[in-house]
Amino acid sequence: MRFILASESPRRALQLKSIGVDFSAQASGVEEQNDGFYKPNIPFINAIAKAEAVAEKNPDALVLGADTVIEFEGEILGKPKSMDDAVNMLLKLSGKSHIAVSAVCLKNISNSMSCVFGDETKVVFRNFNRETAMKYARLTNPLDKAGSYAIQEHGDMIVESIDGSLENVIGLPLEKVKESLYALGFGNFIRKRSPSENWRS
């Protein structure tokens, strides 16, 4: 059975590779739902829609669809429209906390199997000024990142602490993905690594 990631996200691809999963990536073509106001079901609706769209074209494959949103004071912070927008978004988060919420759907049509789960991580930002926000934006590419940041890219500049899974903030709650694969009988997709191997290669 093939494993397909219903996304062309380079971050999620790296995460799956880090646990030894052999997979192919396929964009779902699904337009994500996001009206700006946070509702707990939004990331789940998006993750399920992505998985179903790809699974319909690949009924014999195990498909993983995922969605991560940044919730801040009842609002979903999406991808910024410009560098100025990114800087302003970062400043909005400065000195405050927000929640990274991820939803995952594992689907295999031939076995009538569907598994949906989620995770959330509290992220607290340092207090920083516009100069720091601009420097961070120059060092990274905030235009393709929800909330205008990626915690794995110079995150120490802006992040003070997290409560929960770091991998979840990056885009996939890896521990829960592994637990679900084993529980569903698909643990063979996870390659066992020797102690000498780097876990996040």
N, C-alpha and C. Protein backbone atom coordinates (compact mmCIF):
# COMPACT_ATOMS: atom_id res chain seq x y z
N MET A 1 0.84 -1.20 0.00
CA MET A 1 0.00 0.00 0.00
C MET A 1 0.88 1.26 0.00
N ARG A 2 0.49 2.23 -0.80
CA ARG A 2 1.24 3.48 -0.84
C ARG A 2 0.75 4.44 0.24
N PHE A 3 1.64 5.33 0.64
CA PHE A 3 1.30 6.39 1.61
C PHE A 3 1.40 7.71 0.85
N ILE A 4 0.33 8.50 0.89
CA ILE A 4 0.32 9.78 0.18
C ILE A 4 0.05 10.92 1.16
N LEU A 5 0.88 11.93 1.11
CA LEU A 5 0.66 13.16 1.86
C LEU A 5 -0.15 14.09 0.96
N ALA A 6 -1.35 14.45 1.41
CA ALA A 6 -2.23 15.29 0.60
C ALA A 6 -1.85 16.75 0.75
N SER A 7 -0.62 17.05 0.40
CA SER A 7 -0.09 18.39 0.56
C SER A 7 1.27 18.47 -0.12
N GLU A 8 1.63 19.66 -0.55
CA GLU A 8 2.98 19.87 -1.08
C GLU A 8 3.80 20.72 -0.12
N SER A 9 3.38 20.73 1.15
CA SER A 9 4.09 21.49 2.18
C SER A 9 5.46 20.88 2.42
N PRO A 10 6.53 21.64 2.20
CA PRO A 10 7.87 21.09 2.46
C PRO A 10 8.11 20.80 3.93
N ARG A 11 7.44 21.53 4.82
CA ARG A 11 7.62 21.30 6.25
C ARG A 11 7.01 19.97 6.67
N ARG A 12 5.80 19.69 6.22
CA ARG A 12 5.17 18.42 6.58
C ARG A 12 5.92 17.25 5.94
N ALA A 13 6.44 17.46 4.74
CA ALA A 13 7.22 16.41 4.08
C ALA A 13 8.46 16.06 4.90
N LEU A 14 9.15 17.08 5.39
CA LEU A 14 10.34 16.85 6.22
C LEU A 14 9.98 16.14 7.51
N GLN A 15 8.83 16.48 8.07
CA GLN A 15 8.40 15.83 9.31
C GLN A 15 8.15 14.34 9.10
N LEU A 16 7.47 14.00 8.02
CA LEU A 16 7.21 12.59 7.75
C LEU A 16 8.52 11.84 7.47
N LYS A 17 9.42 12.48 6.75
CA LYS A 17 10.72 11.85 6.48
C LYS A 17 11.49 11.60 7.77
N SER A 18 11.30 12.48 8.76
CA SER A 18 12.04 12.36 10.01
C SER A 18 11.67 11.11 10.80
N ILE A 19 10.48 10.53 10.52
CA ILE A 19 10.11 9.28 11.19
C ILE A 19 10.22 8.09 10.22
N GLY A 20 10.87 8.34 9.10
CA GLY A 20 11.17 7.25 8.18
C GLY A 20 10.04 6.81 7.28
N VAL A 21 9.00 7.64 7.12
CA VAL A 21 7.88 7.26 6.27
C VAL A 21 8.25 7.45 4.80
N ASP A 22 8.00 6.42 3.99
CA ASP A 22 8.21 6.49 2.55
C ASP A 22 6.89 6.89 1.92
N PHE A 23 6.83 8.05 1.31
CA PHE A 23 5.56 8.58 0.82
C PHE A 23 5.75 9.37 -0.45
N SER A 24 4.64 9.67 -1.10
CA SER A 24 4.63 10.63 -2.20
C SER A 24 3.71 11.77 -1.80
N ALA A 25 3.92 12.92 -2.38
CA ALA A 25 3.12 14.10 -2.05
C ALA A 25 2.22 14.46 -3.23
N GLN A 26 1.01 14.82 -2.92
CA GLN A 26 0.06 15.18 -3.97
C GLN A 26 -0.84 16.30 -3.45
N ALA A 27 -0.83 17.43 -4.13
CA ALA A 27 -1.68 18.55 -3.72
C ALA A 27 -3.15 18.17 -3.84
N SER A 28 -3.93 18.57 -2.86
CA SER A 28 -5.36 18.19 -2.86
C SER A 28 -6.19 19.07 -3.78
N GLY A 29 -5.75 20.32 -3.96
CA GLY A 29 -6.53 21.25 -4.76
C GLY A 29 -7.73 21.81 -4.03
N VAL A 30 -7.84 21.47 -2.75
CA VAL A 30 -8.98 21.93 -1.94
C VAL A 30 -8.74 23.37 -1.47
N GLU A 31 -9.78 24.19 -1.58
CA GLU A 31 -9.71 25.55 -1.06
C GLU A 31 -10.05 25.52 0.43
N GLU A 32 -9.10 25.94 1.25
CA GLU A 32 -9.29 25.86 2.69
C GLU A 32 -10.35 26.84 3.17
N GLN A 33 -11.17 26.37 4.11
CA GLN A 33 -12.17 27.25 4.72
C GLN A 33 -11.52 28.10 5.80
N ASN A 34 -11.78 29.38 5.75
CA ASN A 34 -11.25 30.29 6.76
C ASN A 34 -11.93 31.64 6.58
N ASP A 35 -12.89 31.93 7.44
CA ASP A 35 -13.59 33.22 7.34
C ASP A 35 -13.00 34.26 8.29
N GLY A 36 -11.86 33.92 8.88
CA GLY A 36 -11.20 34.88 9.76
C GLY A 36 -11.54 34.69 11.23
N PHE A 37 -12.71 34.09 11.50
CA PHE A 37 -13.12 33.86 12.88
C PHE A 37 -12.87 32.40 13.25
N TYR A 38 -12.27 32.18 14.40
CA TYR A 38 -11.90 30.82 14.78
C TYR A 38 -13.10 30.00 15.22
N LYS A 39 -13.23 28.83 14.64
CA LYS A 39 -14.20 27.83 15.06
C LYS A 39 -13.42 26.52 15.18
N PRO A 40 -13.60 25.78 16.28
CA PRO A 40 -12.80 24.57 16.52
C PRO A 40 -12.85 23.55 15.39
N ASN A 41 -13.93 23.54 14.60
CA ASN A 41 -14.05 22.51 13.56
C ASN A 41 -13.35 22.87 12.25
N ILE A 42 -12.92 24.11 12.08
CA ILE A 42 -12.36 24.54 10.80
C ILE A 42 -11.15 23.72 10.37
N PRO A 43 -10.11 23.54 11.22
CA PRO A 43 -8.98 22.73 10.75
C PRO A 43 -9.37 21.29 10.44
N PHE A 44 -10.36 20.74 11.16
CA PHE A 44 -10.81 19.38 10.91
C PHE A 44 -11.53 19.28 9.55
N ILE A 45 -12.37 20.27 9.26
CA ILE A 45 -13.06 20.29 7.97
C ILE A 45 -12.04 20.33 6.83
N ASN A 46 -11.02 21.15 6.98
CA ASN A 46 -10.00 21.27 5.93
C ASN A 46 -9.17 20.00 5.78
N ALA A 47 -8.77 19.41 6.91
CA ALA A 47 -7.96 18.18 6.86
C ALA A 47 -8.73 17.04 6.21
N ILE A 48 -10.00 16.90 6.58
CA ILE A 48 -10.83 15.83 6.01
C ILE A 48 -11.03 16.05 4.51
N ALA A 49 -11.30 17.30 4.12
CA ALA A 49 -11.53 17.60 2.70
C ALA A 49 -10.28 17.30 1.86
N LYS A 50 -9.10 17.62 2.40
CA LYS A 50 -7.85 17.34 1.68
C LYS A 50 -7.64 15.84 1.51
N ALA A 51 -7.81 15.10 2.61
CA ALA A 51 -7.62 13.66 2.56
C ALA A 51 -8.61 12.99 1.60
N GLU A 52 -9.87 13.41 1.66
CA GLU A 52 -10.89 12.79 0.81
C GLU A 52 -10.64 13.08 -0.66
N ALA A 53 -10.22 14.30 -0.98
CA ALA A 53 -9.98 14.67 -2.38
C ALA A 53 -8.90 13.80 -3.01
N VAL A 54 -7.83 13.56 -2.26
CA VAL A 54 -6.72 12.75 -2.78
C VAL A 54 -7.06 11.26 -2.73
N ALA A 55 -7.76 10.83 -1.68
CA ALA A 55 -8.12 9.42 -1.54
C ALA A 55 -9.06 8.96 -2.65
N GLU A 56 -9.94 9.83 -3.10
CA GLU A 56 -10.86 9.47 -4.18
C GLU A 56 -10.11 9.12 -5.46
N LYS A 57 -8.96 9.76 -5.67
CA LYS A 57 -8.15 9.48 -6.87
C LYS A 57 -7.20 8.30 -6.63
N ASN A 58 -7.00 7.96 -5.36
CA ASN A 58 -6.06 6.89 -5.00
C ASN A 58 -6.71 5.99 -3.94
N PRO A 59 -7.76 5.23 -4.30
CA PRO A 59 -8.54 4.47 -3.31
C PRO A 59 -7.75 3.39 -2.57
N ASP A 60 -6.66 2.92 -3.16
CA ASP A 60 -5.88 1.86 -2.50
C ASP A 60 -4.76 2.41 -1.62
N ALA A 61 -4.60 3.71 -1.57
CA ALA A 61 -3.52 4.32 -0.80
C ALA A 61 -4.01 4.79 0.57
N LEU A 62 -3.07 4.89 1.51
CA LEU A 62 -3.35 5.53 2.79
C LEU A 62 -2.98 6.99 2.63
N VAL A 63 -3.96 7.85 2.81
CA VAL A 63 -3.77 9.28 2.56
C VAL A 63 -3.81 10.06 3.86
N LEU A 64 -2.88 10.99 4.02
CA LEU A 64 -2.86 11.87 5.19
C LEU A 64 -3.15 13.30 4.75
N GLY A 65 -4.22 13.85 5.29
CA GLY A 65 -4.55 15.26 5.07
C GLY A 65 -4.41 16.00 6.39
N ALA A 66 -3.89 17.21 6.35
CA ALA A 66 -3.67 17.96 7.59
C ALA A 66 -3.91 19.44 7.38
N ASP A 67 -4.24 20.11 8.47
CA ASP A 67 -4.40 21.57 8.43
C ASP A 67 -4.00 22.14 9.79
N THR A 68 -3.25 23.22 9.76
CA THR A 68 -2.84 23.90 10.99
C THR A 68 -3.26 25.36 10.92
N VAL A 69 -3.90 25.83 11.98
CA VAL A 69 -4.30 27.24 12.03
C VAL A 69 -3.74 27.88 13.30
N ILE A 70 -3.56 29.18 13.23
CA ILE A 70 -3.11 29.97 14.38
C ILE A 70 -4.32 30.72 14.91
N GLU A 71 -4.69 30.40 16.16
CA GLU A 71 -5.83 31.07 16.78
C GLU A 71 -5.33 32.11 17.77
N PHE A 72 -5.80 33.35 17.59
CA PHE A 72 -5.40 34.45 18.46
C PHE A 72 -6.61 35.31 18.78
N GLU A 73 -7.01 35.27 20.04
CA GLU A 73 -8.13 36.09 20.52
C GLU A 73 -9.37 35.94 19.65
N GLY A 74 -9.71 34.67 19.34
CA GLY A 74 -10.92 34.38 18.58
C GLY A 74 -10.80 34.58 17.08
N GLU A 75 -9.60 34.84 16.60
CA GLU A 75 -9.38 35.10 15.19
C GLU A 75 -8.38 34.09 14.62
N ILE A 76 -8.57 33.72 13.38
CA ILE A 76 -7.59 32.88 12.70
C ILE A 76 -6.61 33.78 11.95
N LEU A 77 -5.33 33.61 12.26
CA LEU A 77 -4.32 34.38 11.54
C LEU A 77 -3.80 33.52 10.39
N GLY A 78 -4.10 33.93 9.19
CA GLY A 78 -3.67 33.18 8.02
C GLY A 78 -2.32 33.66 7.52
N LYS A 79 -2.07 33.44 6.24
CA LYS A 79 -0.81 33.87 5.64
C LYS A 79 -0.89 35.36 5.32
N PRO A 80 0.18 36.10 5.58
CA PRO A 80 0.16 37.53 5.31
C PRO A 80 0.12 37.83 3.82
N LYS A 81 -0.44 38.98 3.48
CA LYS A 81 -0.58 39.36 2.07
C LYS A 81 0.65 40.08 1.54
N SER A 82 1.48 40.59 2.46
CA SER A 82 2.68 41.33 2.07
C SER A 82 3.66 41.32 3.23
N MET A 83 4.87 41.83 3.00
CA MET A 83 5.86 41.89 4.07
C MET A 83 5.39 42.85 5.17
N ASP A 84 4.76 43.94 4.79
CA ASP A 84 4.24 44.88 5.79
C ASP A 84 3.16 44.20 6.64
N ASP A 85 2.31 43.43 5.99
CA ASP A 85 1.26 42.70 6.69
C ASP A 85 1.88 41.69 7.65
N ALA A 86 2.96 41.04 7.22
CA ALA A 86 3.64 40.05 8.06
C ALA A 86 4.22 40.71 9.30
N VAL A 87 4.87 41.85 9.12
CA VAL A 87 5.46 42.56 10.26
C VAL A 87 4.37 42.99 11.24
N ASN A 88 3.27 43.51 10.72
CA ASN A 88 2.18 43.94 11.59
C ASN A 88 1.55 42.75 12.33
N MET A 89 1.48 41.60 11.66
CA MET A 89 0.93 40.41 12.30
C MET A 89 1.84 39.95 13.44
N LEU A 90 3.14 39.97 13.20
CA LEU A 90 4.10 39.59 14.23
C LEU A 90 3.99 40.53 15.43
N LEU A 91 3.84 41.81 15.16
CA LEU A 91 3.73 42.79 16.24
C LEU A 91 2.43 42.60 17.03
N LYS A 92 1.38 42.15 16.35
CA LYS A 92 0.12 41.87 17.03
C LYS A 92 0.30 40.74 18.06
N LEU A 93 1.19 39.77 17.72
CA LEU A 93 1.43 38.62 18.60
C LEU A 93 2.49 38.90 19.66
N SER A 94 3.25 39.96 19.48
CA SER A 94 4.36 40.29 20.40
C SER A 94 3.90 40.39 21.85
N GLY A 95 4.58 39.65 22.73
CA GLY A 95 4.29 39.72 24.16
C GLY A 95 3.02 39.01 24.58
N LYS A 96 2.41 38.26 23.66
CA LYS A 96 1.14 37.60 23.96
C LYS A 96 1.22 36.11 23.59
N SER A 97 0.17 35.39 23.94
CA SER A 97 0.12 33.96 23.63
C SER A 97 -0.94 33.70 22.56
N HIS A 98 -0.73 32.62 21.81
CA HIS A 98 -1.70 32.18 20.83
C HIS A 98 -1.68 30.65 20.80
N ILE A 99 -2.58 30.05 20.05
CA ILE A 99 -2.69 28.59 19.99
C ILE A 99 -2.50 28.11 18.55
N ALA A 100 -1.59 27.16 18.38
CA ALA A 100 -1.45 26.48 17.09
C ALA A 100 -2.31 25.21 17.16
N VAL A 101 -3.30 25.12 16.28
CA VAL A 101 -4.23 23.99 16.28
C VAL A 101 -4.05 23.20 14.98
N SER A 102 -3.76 21.91 15.12
CA SER A 102 -3.61 21.05 13.94
C SER A 102 -4.67 19.96 13.95
N ALA A 103 -5.15 19.61 12.76
CA ALA A 103 -6.06 18.49 12.59
C ALA A 103 -5.48 17.58 11.53
N VAL A 104 -5.66 16.27 11.71
CA VAL A 104 -5.13 15.28 10.78
C VAL A 104 -6.22 14.27 10.43
N CYS A 105 -6.28 13.91 9.16
CA CYS A 105 -7.20 12.85 8.72
C CYS A 105 -6.40 11.79 7.97
N LEU A 106 -6.49 10.55 8.43
CA LEU A 106 -5.90 9.40 7.73
C LEU A 106 -7.05 8.65 7.07
N LYS A 107 -6.93 8.44 5.75
CA LYS A 107 -8.06 7.82 5.03
C LYS A 107 -7.58 6.79 4.02
N ASN A 108 -8.28 5.66 4.00
CA ASN A 108 -8.05 4.61 3.01
C ASN A 108 -9.41 4.10 2.55
N ILE A 109 -9.76 4.40 1.30
CA ILE A 109 -11.10 4.08 0.80
C ILE A 109 -11.30 2.59 0.63
N SER A 110 -10.30 1.87 0.13
CA SER A 110 -10.46 0.44 -0.15
C SER A 110 -10.80 -0.35 1.12
N ASN A 111 -10.34 0.11 2.27
CA ASN A 111 -10.63 -0.56 3.54
C ASN A 111 -11.70 0.17 4.35
N SER A 112 -12.33 1.17 3.73
CA SER A 112 -13.37 1.98 4.41
C SER A 112 -12.85 2.50 5.75
N MET A 113 -11.61 2.95 5.76
CA MET A 113 -10.97 3.39 6.99
C MET A 113 -10.79 4.91 7.00
N SER A 114 -11.17 5.54 8.11
CA SER A 114 -10.98 6.97 8.29
C SER A 114 -10.70 7.25 9.76
N CYS A 115 -9.66 8.01 10.01
CA CYS A 115 -9.28 8.34 11.39
C CYS A 115 -8.96 9.83 11.45
N VAL A 116 -9.60 10.52 12.37
CA VAL A 116 -9.41 11.97 12.48
C VAL A 116 -9.01 12.32 13.91
N PHE A 117 -7.99 13.14 14.06
CA PHE A 117 -7.54 13.55 15.39
C PHE A 117 -6.88 14.92 15.31
N GLY A 118 -6.64 15.52 16.45
CA GLY A 118 -6.04 16.85 16.46
C GLY A 118 -5.14 17.07 17.66
N ASP A 119 -4.51 18.22 17.68
CA ASP A 119 -3.64 18.60 18.79
C ASP A 119 -3.55 20.12 18.82
N GLU A 120 -3.19 20.64 19.98
CA GLU A 120 -2.98 22.09 20.07
C GLU A 120 -1.81 22.41 20.98
N THR A 121 -1.14 23.49 20.67
CA THR A 121 0.04 23.92 21.41
C THR A 121 -0.07 25.42 21.70
N LYS A 122 0.17 25.77 22.94
CA LYS A 122 0.18 27.18 23.31
C LYS A 122 1.56 27.76 23.05
N VAL A 123 1.62 28.87 22.35
CA VAL A 123 2.89 29.53 22.02
C VAL A 123 2.88 30.93 22.61
N VAL A 124 3.93 31.27 23.36
CA VAL A 124 4.06 32.61 23.94
C VAL A 124 5.19 33.33 23.23
N PHE A 125 4.90 34.52 22.71
CA PHE A 125 5.91 35.32 22.02
C PHE A 125 6.64 36.26 22.98
N ARG A 126 7.87 36.51 22.67
CA ARG A 126 8.64 37.51 23.40
C ARG A 126 8.05 38.89 23.11
N ASN A 127 8.41 39.85 23.96
CA ASN A 127 8.06 41.23 23.70
C ASN A 127 9.12 41.80 22.77
N PHE A 128 8.78 42.17 21.56
CA PHE A 128 9.78 42.71 20.63
C PHE A 128 9.20 43.91 19.88
N ASN A 129 10.09 44.67 19.28
CA ASN A 129 9.68 45.89 18.57
C ASN A 129 9.63 45.66 17.06
N ARG A 130 9.29 46.72 16.34
CA ARG A 130 9.15 46.62 14.89
C ARG A 130 10.47 46.24 14.22
N GLU A 131 11.57 46.74 14.76
CA GLU A 131 12.88 46.42 14.17
C GLU A 131 13.13 44.90 14.21
N THR A 132 12.81 44.27 15.34
CA THR A 132 12.99 42.82 15.45
C THR A 132 12.04 42.08 14.51
N ALA A 133 10.81 42.55 14.43
CA ALA A 133 9.82 41.92 13.55
C ALA A 133 10.28 42.01 12.09
N MET A 134 10.82 43.15 11.71
CA MET A 134 11.30 43.33 10.33
C MET A 134 12.51 42.45 10.07
N LYS A 135 13.40 42.34 11.05
CA LYS A 135 14.59 41.49 10.89
C LYS A 135 14.17 40.03 10.73
N TYR A 136 13.21 39.60 11.55
CA TYR A 136 12.74 38.22 11.46
C TYR A 136 12.13 37.96 10.08
N ALA A 137 11.32 38.90 9.61
CA ALA A 137 10.67 38.74 8.31
C ALA A 137 11.70 38.67 7.18
N ARG A 138 12.79 39.42 7.31
CA ARG A 138 13.83 39.39 6.28
C ARG A 138 14.59 38.06 6.29
N LEU A 139 14.75 37.48 7.47
CA LEU A 139 15.51 36.23 7.60
C LEU A 139 14.71 35.01 7.14
N THR A 140 13.40 35.13 7.14
CA THR A 140 12.54 34.00 6.77
C THR A 140 11.68 34.40 5.58
N ASN A 141 10.79 33.53 5.19
CA ASN A 141 9.83 33.85 4.15
C ASN A 141 8.44 33.78 4.76
N PRO A 142 7.98 34.85 5.41
CA PRO A 142 6.71 34.79 6.15
C PRO A 142 5.47 34.71 5.27
N LEU A 143 5.61 34.98 3.98
CA LEU A 143 4.43 35.07 3.12
C LEU A 143 3.74 33.73 2.91
N ASP A 144 4.42 32.62 3.17
CA ASP A 144 3.77 31.31 3.00
C ASP A 144 3.50 30.63 4.34
N LYS A 145 3.47 31.44 5.41
CA LYS A 145 3.32 30.86 6.75
C LYS A 145 2.14 31.49 7.50
N ALA A 146 1.27 30.66 8.01
CA ALA A 146 0.16 31.15 8.84
C ALA A 146 0.73 31.81 10.08
N GLY A 147 0.23 32.99 10.40
CA GLY A 147 0.75 33.72 11.55
C GLY A 147 2.05 34.44 11.27
N SER A 148 2.55 34.33 10.04
CA SER A 148 3.77 35.01 9.58
C SER A 148 5.06 34.47 10.19
N TYR A 149 5.01 33.25 10.74
CA TYR A 149 6.26 32.72 11.31
C TYR A 149 6.30 31.21 11.22
N ALA A 150 7.52 30.68 11.29
CA ALA A 150 7.76 29.24 11.39
C ALA A 150 8.69 29.06 12.58
N ILE A 151 8.23 28.34 13.58
CA ILE A 151 8.97 28.24 14.83
C ILE A 151 10.35 27.62 14.65
N GLN A 152 10.52 26.80 13.61
CA GLN A 152 11.80 26.14 13.37
C GLN A 152 12.78 27.03 12.62
N GLU A 153 12.35 28.21 12.22
CA GLU A 153 13.22 29.14 11.50
C GLU A 153 13.46 30.39 12.35
N HIS A 154 14.61 30.43 13.01
CA HIS A 154 14.98 31.56 13.88
C HIS A 154 13.91 31.85 14.93
N GLY A 155 13.24 30.78 15.38
CA GLY A 155 12.16 30.95 16.34
C GLY A 155 12.60 31.58 17.65
N ASP A 156 13.88 31.39 18.01
CA ASP A 156 14.37 31.95 19.28
C ASP A 156 14.32 33.47 19.29
N MET A 157 14.23 34.10 18.12
CA MET A 157 14.15 35.57 18.04
C MET A 157 12.82 36.08 18.57
N ILE A 158 11.75 35.30 18.39
CA ILE A 158 10.42 35.81 18.69
C ILE A 158 9.63 34.97 19.69
N VAL A 159 10.03 33.70 19.89
CA VAL A 159 9.26 32.80 20.75
C VAL A 159 9.90 32.71 22.13
N GLU A 160 9.08 32.93 23.15
CA GLU A 160 9.56 32.84 24.54
C GLU A 160 9.39 31.43 25.08
N SER A 161 8.24 30.80 24.82
CA SER A 161 8.00 29.44 25.34
C SER A 161 6.85 28.79 24.60
N ILE A 162 6.78 27.46 24.72
CA ILE A 162 5.64 26.73 24.19
C ILE A 162 5.16 25.74 25.24
N ASP A 163 3.89 25.43 25.20
CA ASP A 163 3.30 24.43 26.10
C ASP A 163 2.60 23.42 25.21
N GLY A 164 3.27 22.30 24.97
CA GLY A 164 2.72 21.29 24.08
C GLY A 164 3.76 20.85 23.06
N SER A 165 3.29 20.26 21.99
CA SER A 165 4.16 19.67 20.98
C SER A 165 4.76 20.72 20.04
N LEU A 166 6.09 20.71 19.93
CA LEU A 166 6.77 21.57 18.97
C LEU A 166 6.43 21.16 17.55
N GLU A 167 6.39 19.84 17.30
CA GLU A 167 6.09 19.34 15.96
C GLU A 167 4.71 19.79 15.50
N ASN A 168 3.78 19.91 16.45
CA ASN A 168 2.44 20.36 16.12
C ASN A 168 2.46 21.79 15.58
N VAL A 169 3.30 22.64 16.15
CA VAL A 169 3.41 24.02 15.69
C VAL A 169 3.99 24.05 14.28
N ILE A 170 4.92 23.14 14.00
CA ILE A 170 5.54 23.09 12.68
C ILE A 170 4.52 22.67 11.62
N GLY A 171 3.56 21.82 11.99
CA GLY A 171 2.53 21.46 11.02
C GLY A 171 1.93 20.08 11.15
N LEU A 172 2.60 19.17 11.89
CA LEU A 172 2.07 17.83 12.09
C LEU A 172 2.35 17.36 13.51
N PRO A 173 1.33 16.94 14.26
CA PRO A 173 1.56 16.37 15.60
C PRO A 173 2.12 14.96 15.45
N LEU A 174 3.43 14.86 15.25
CA LEU A 174 4.07 13.60 14.87
C LEU A 174 3.80 12.44 15.82
N GLU A 175 3.85 12.70 17.12
CA GLU A 175 3.63 11.60 18.08
C GLU A 175 2.25 10.99 17.89
N LYS A 176 1.25 11.83 17.69
CA LYS A 176 -0.11 11.33 17.48
C LYS A 176 -0.24 10.64 16.13
N VAL A 177 0.50 11.12 15.13
CA VAL A 177 0.50 10.45 13.83
C VAL A 177 1.05 9.04 13.97
N LYS A 178 2.19 8.92 14.68
CA LYS A 178 2.80 7.60 14.88
C LYS A 178 1.88 6.68 15.67
N GLU A 179 1.30 7.19 16.76
CA GLU A 179 0.39 6.38 17.57
C GLU A 179 -0.80 5.88 16.74
N SER A 180 -1.33 6.74 15.89
CA SER A 180 -2.49 6.38 15.08
C SER A 180 -2.12 5.34 14.02
N LEU A 181 -0.96 5.49 13.40
CA LEU A 181 -0.53 4.52 12.40
C LEU A 181 -0.37 3.13 13.01
N TYR A 182 0.24 3.08 14.19
CA TYR A 182 0.39 1.79 14.87
C TYR A 182 -0.98 1.22 15.28
N ALA A 183 -1.85 2.07 15.81
CA ALA A 183 -3.16 1.61 16.28
C ALA A 183 -4.02 1.09 15.12
N LEU A 184 -3.84 1.66 13.94
CA LEU A 184 -4.64 1.26 12.78
C LEU A 184 -4.02 0.09 12.01
N GLY A 185 -2.85 -0.34 12.47
CA GLY A 185 -2.19 -1.47 11.80
C GLY A 185 -1.29 -1.07 10.66
N PHE A 186 -0.92 0.22 10.61
CA PHE A 186 -0.04 0.70 9.55
C PHE A 186 1.33 1.10 10.09
N GLY A 187 1.75 0.48 11.19
CA GLY A 187 3.04 0.79 11.79
C GLY A 187 4.21 0.46 10.88
N ASN A 188 3.95 -0.38 9.86
CA ASN A 188 5.02 -0.74 8.93
C ASN A 188 5.49 0.45 8.10
N PHE A 189 4.70 1.50 8.06
CA PHE A 189 5.11 2.69 7.31
C PHE A 189 6.23 3.44 8.03
N ILE A 190 6.39 3.21 9.33
CA ILE A 190 7.40 3.91 10.11
C ILE A 190 8.66 3.06 10.16
N ARG A 191 9.71 3.54 9.55
CA ARG A 191 10.96 2.78 9.53
C ARG A 191 11.68 2.91 10.85
N LYS A 192 12.09 1.78 11.41
CA LYS A 192 12.85 1.80 12.65
C LYS A 192 14.26 2.31 12.36
N ARG A 193 14.72 3.25 13.16
CA ARG A 193 16.05 3.81 12.95
C ARG A 193 17.02 3.31 14.01
N SER A 194 18.26 3.22 13.61
CA SER A 194 19.30 2.80 14.57
C SER A 194 19.65 3.98 15.46
N PRO A 195 20.16 3.73 16.67
CA PRO A 195 20.50 4.82 17.60
C PRO A 195 21.47 5.84 17.01
N SER A 196 22.30 5.39 16.06
CA SER A 196 23.30 6.29 15.48
C SER A 196 22.72 7.24 14.46
N GLU A 197 21.48 6.97 14.02
CA GLU A 197 20.88 7.84 13.02
C GLU A 197 20.29 9.08 13.66
N ASN A 198 20.35 10.17 12.90
CA ASN A 198 19.78 11.43 13.36
C ASN A 198 18.26 11.37 13.18
N TRP A 199 17.52 11.61 14.25
CA TRP A 199 16.06 11.49 14.16
C TRP A 199 15.48 12.50 13.18
N ARG A 200 16.00 13.71 13.20
CA ARG A 200 15.47 14.74 12.29
C ARG A 200 16.50 15.04 11.20
N SER A 201 16.74 14.05 10.36
CA SER A 201 17.67 14.26 9.25
C SER A 201 16.98 14.98 8.12
